[in-house]
Protein backbone atom coordinates (compact mmCIF):
# COMPACT_ATOMS: atom_id res chain seq x y z
CA UNK A 1 -9.10 -11.67 1.53
CA UNK A 2 -12.86 -11.44 0.88
CA UNK A 3 -13.36 -10.87 4.84
CA UNK A 4 -11.01 -8.04 4.93
CA UNK A 5 -12.70 -6.37 1.86
CA UNK A 6 -15.88 -7.08 3.45
CA UNK A 7 -14.81 -5.48 6.65
CA UNK A 8 -13.37 -2.43 4.94
CA UNK A 9 -16.48 -2.16 2.89
CA UNK A 10 -18.71 -2.15 6.25
CA UNK A 11 -16.51 0.28 7.97
CA UNK A 12 -16.77 2.69 5.02
CA UNK A 13 -20.46 2.13 4.85
CA UNK A 14 -21.26 2.76 8.38
CA UNK A 15 -18.72 5.41 9.00
CA UNK A 16 -20.24 7.30 6.17
CA UNK A 17 -20.86 10.97 7.04
CA UNK A 18 -24.55 10.97 8.66
CA UNK A 19 -25.66 8.82 5.76
CA UNK A 20 -26.33 11.49 3.38
CA UNK A 21 -25.63 11.61 -0.52
CA UNK A 22 -22.21 12.81 -1.11
CA UNK A 23 -23.16 14.78 -4.35
CA UNK A 24 -25.68 16.88 -2.79
CA UNK A 25 -25.19 20.67 -1.75
CA UNK A 26 -25.30 20.98 1.99
CA UNK A 27 -28.85 22.79 1.83
CA UNK A 28 -30.36 20.15 -0.26
CA UNK A 29 -28.86 17.03 1.65
CA UNK A 30 -31.45 14.56 2.42
CA UNK A 31 -30.90 11.88 5.06
CA UNK A 32 -31.09 8.24 3.88
CA UNK A 33 -33.24 5.53 5.12
CA UNK A 34 -30.94 2.53 4.59
CA UNK A 35 -34.35 0.48 4.72
CA UNK A 36 -35.85 2.34 1.90
CA UNK A 37 -33.40 3.56 -0.75
CA UNK A 38 -33.88 4.20 -4.32
CA UNK A 39 -32.05 2.01 -6.68
CA UNK A 40 -29.96 5.20 -7.84
CA UNK A 41 -29.25 6.00 -4.31
CA UNK A 42 -28.24 2.55 -3.35
CA UNK A 43 -25.74 2.33 -6.28
CA UNK A 44 -24.29 5.65 -5.26
CA UNK A 45 -23.96 4.62 -1.64
CA UNK A 46 -22.51 1.29 -2.55
CA UNK A 47 -19.92 2.95 -4.94
CA UNK A 48 -19.00 5.58 -2.36
CA UNK A 49 -18.60 2.81 0.26
CA UNK A 50 -16.59 0.41 -1.78
CA UNK A 51 -14.53 2.80 -3.77
CA UNK A 52 -15.70 1.05 -7.10
CA UNK A 53 -18.02 1.99 -9.70
CA UNK A 54 -21.34 0.32 -8.98
CA UNK A 55 -23.98 1.15 -11.65
CA UNK A 56 -27.62 1.58 -11.09
CA UNK A 57 -28.15 -0.92 -13.80
CA UNK A 58 -26.31 -3.68 -11.92
CA UNK A 59 -28.15 -2.75 -8.47
CA UNK A 60 -31.51 -2.81 -10.49
CA UNK A 61 -30.65 -6.27 -12.12
CA UNK A 62 -29.72 -7.88 -8.87
CA UNK A 63 -32.69 -6.20 -6.77
CA UNK A 64 -35.13 -7.54 -9.47
CA UNK A 65 -33.69 -11.01 -9.69
CA UNK A 66 -34.21 -11.28 -5.81
CA UNK A 67 -37.31 -9.65 -5.81
CA UNK A 68 -36.10 -6.83 -3.50
CA UNK A 69 -37.55 -3.85 -5.17
CA UNK A 70 -40.86 -2.68 -3.33
CA UNK A 71 -43.96 -1.38 -4.79
CA UNK A 72 -42.61 2.26 -3.94
CA UNK A 73 -39.50 1.45 -5.86
CA UNK A 74 -37.20 1.40 -2.87
CA UNK A 75 -34.83 -1.28 -1.85
CA UNK A 76 -33.60 -1.97 1.83
CA UNK A 77 -29.61 -1.96 2.00
CA UNK A 78 -29.94 -4.57 4.69
CA UNK A 79 -31.98 -7.06 2.51
CA UNK A 80 -29.68 -6.23 -0.61
CA UNK A 81 -26.52 -7.06 1.41
CA UNK A 82 -27.79 -10.10 3.12
CA UNK A 83 -28.84 -11.36 -0.33
CA UNK A 84 -25.33 -10.97 -1.57
CA UNK A 85 -23.72 -12.15 1.60
CA UNK A 86 -25.94 -15.52 1.43
CA UNK A 87 -24.73 -16.04 -2.21
CA UNK A 88 -20.98 -15.65 -1.49
């Protein structure tokens, strides 16, 4: 079951429309860099991809506990998901 959910999550994530935030107006849409996301953007992206409510607070807590937040306040989606996958 975990692998089926993970596969669905990854398909939703990487099929995600040109990696822009879904709640932004077309004229204001900014491309996302999956290697440098704000904690808020990472929470929104994970929520959209998983279909579950994932809070900024939860993402920040996990990122801080693994020292994933860089000096500029960004987090790499790749590093974040690798840490989660490693702990499963």
